[in-house]
Amino acid sequence: MSARGVAGVFGHALIFGLAPLLQKLVTFALLPWFSFHLGPEGYGLSDFLVAVSGLFPVLFGLELRVSYVRAHAAARTGAGSLLSATIGATALLALVAALAFFLGWPSLERVFSEVRLTSEFRAVIAGGIACDLLNVMLFAALQARLWSGRTTLLNLAAFALSVGTNIGFVVGLELGAYGLFLSSTLTAALTTAGLLWILRREFGAAPRLRSCAVLLRPLVSYSLPLWGGGLAYFVLRQVDRFVLTELASLATLGVYGMAWKLSSLLSSFLLLPFQRSFDVWRFKLWEERADAQVVGDVLRWLLVGAGALALAVATLGADLFGALADPRFEGLSLYLPLLNLAALCQCASSVTSSAFFVTSRTALWMRCFLVAAVAQVALCVLGVALFGALGAAISAALVQAGLWAASARYGRALWDVPYRHGEALAIVAVATALSFARGLFGPLDLLLALLVDTLLCATFLLAALRLRWVLPEERQRALTWLRARAAKLRA
């Protein structure tokens, strides 16, 4: 694949990431405001409920998203029937997931005694679970067609609605965590309607039950190993919420969860948009037998961008938040460098694990995830028992680093990509070290703190240029591409 073709990976990723960028910037601006209305305990409750409700789409979604994108890319005919069968099956699974949450919640209350929900609250969360599960597949249909512009517009519209209802329910009506979920479910339901309208001409005639089984069997066969991996991924990302709720308190979880929210800028703005584009392009790179060096370059470019963003969040983001937010959230900056380190390692493994997907060896990647999930549970329990919430952040960083190492080790035999792992490690190490360096200066006045933060970020960018993590010709191509995009937008 040509350099121009690979630029399309980041081109579509930029479009996919436009909405998350705007959303996270607005969300970041609103977080200090919401912190006064929720407090650490209220935010901890919402964070715990997000983790619980997120389990059900994982359990019942069967990870059909990736297998659908793969099947659509390979389909020469019958794309409409494939979409109809997949969405129909997902709608049925969504209904089952919602009922499972609503009926199963009382059992969870017996384990986590600090959390109590009314039937109305449970019904709101159950409705959100159903819509979210269906939206994952509907967005996958847009992704498979590379409709990045429509995806962005819909995301922006949904986000505007979400912000308005969040402010109204949480700030205006003082509904607390219930208001957050009421807003989320309302937005998810309207997003489902919008997605169905956008895709209305893509659906084929509803296939018969036997034909549905024929269409869905290869998707399920491909995705079942991924389903196990998805469940393991959920454990990796969310088990700390359950451990902190049980071994610490909702207030402790609230401060930790707010730090995690800031750290999630990396995934929301950079990693997830990149994956939506790269999930499609990596199959094309493999099928075209393109120069594998291209994939190594993609890893380097991704880590430079992620490292710069991680450092900005841990310095500028943390100081701005601390100046504006409820003082009870003081101390979240302690967790940010480690949580960002975990996110950087995840960025790296999202590329190096491509070998398992393009060669259909997803079962091997699932085994890596299962081992990592077991390690995460053990390390998180031990870490929280010894160090509190800091132990949860340490365990997340260690396990994600292990996954990166495993994907590099076992993926090399499947797809011989000449990754420069020493350079990748240097990028991650410099970004993490500069993030920790901010803590050496202690509390500072806001203007002085922002000056120190800017100098630390400038140091990383200078290192990227001096150590040739970004080559001169790459900078020139990037500037040319950005100018062309700007001219096209103006036209």
Foldseek 3Di string as FASTA:
>chain_A
DDPVVLVVLVVLLQLLQPQLVVLLVVVLVCVQVLCVLQPLLLLLLLLLLCLVLVLLLLQQLLQLLLLLLVCLVPDPDDQQQLLLLNLVSQLVSLLVSLVCQLVVVVVVCVQLVVDDDDSVLSNLSSLLSSLVSSVSNLVSVCLSVSVSNVSSVLSNVLSVQLVVQLCCVCVVVVVGSSSNSNSSSVSSVVSSVVSCVVCVVSHDDHDDPVVSCVSCVVSSVLSNLVSLLSSLVSLLVRVLSVLCSNVPNSSLSSLLVVLLSLLCSLCSNAVVSSCSSVSNVLLVCVVVVHQLQSLLLVLLVSLLVLLLSLLCSLFVVVLVSCVSHDVSSPPSSVLSLLSSLLVSLLSLLSSLLSLCVNVSVSNVLSVLSVVLSVQLNVQSNVQCVVPNSSSNSNSSNVSSNSSSVVSNVVSCVRPVRPHPVVSSVVSSVLSSVLSVVLPVVPDDPSVVSVVSSVVSSVVSVVCCVVVVSPPPVNVVVVVVVVVVVVVVVVD
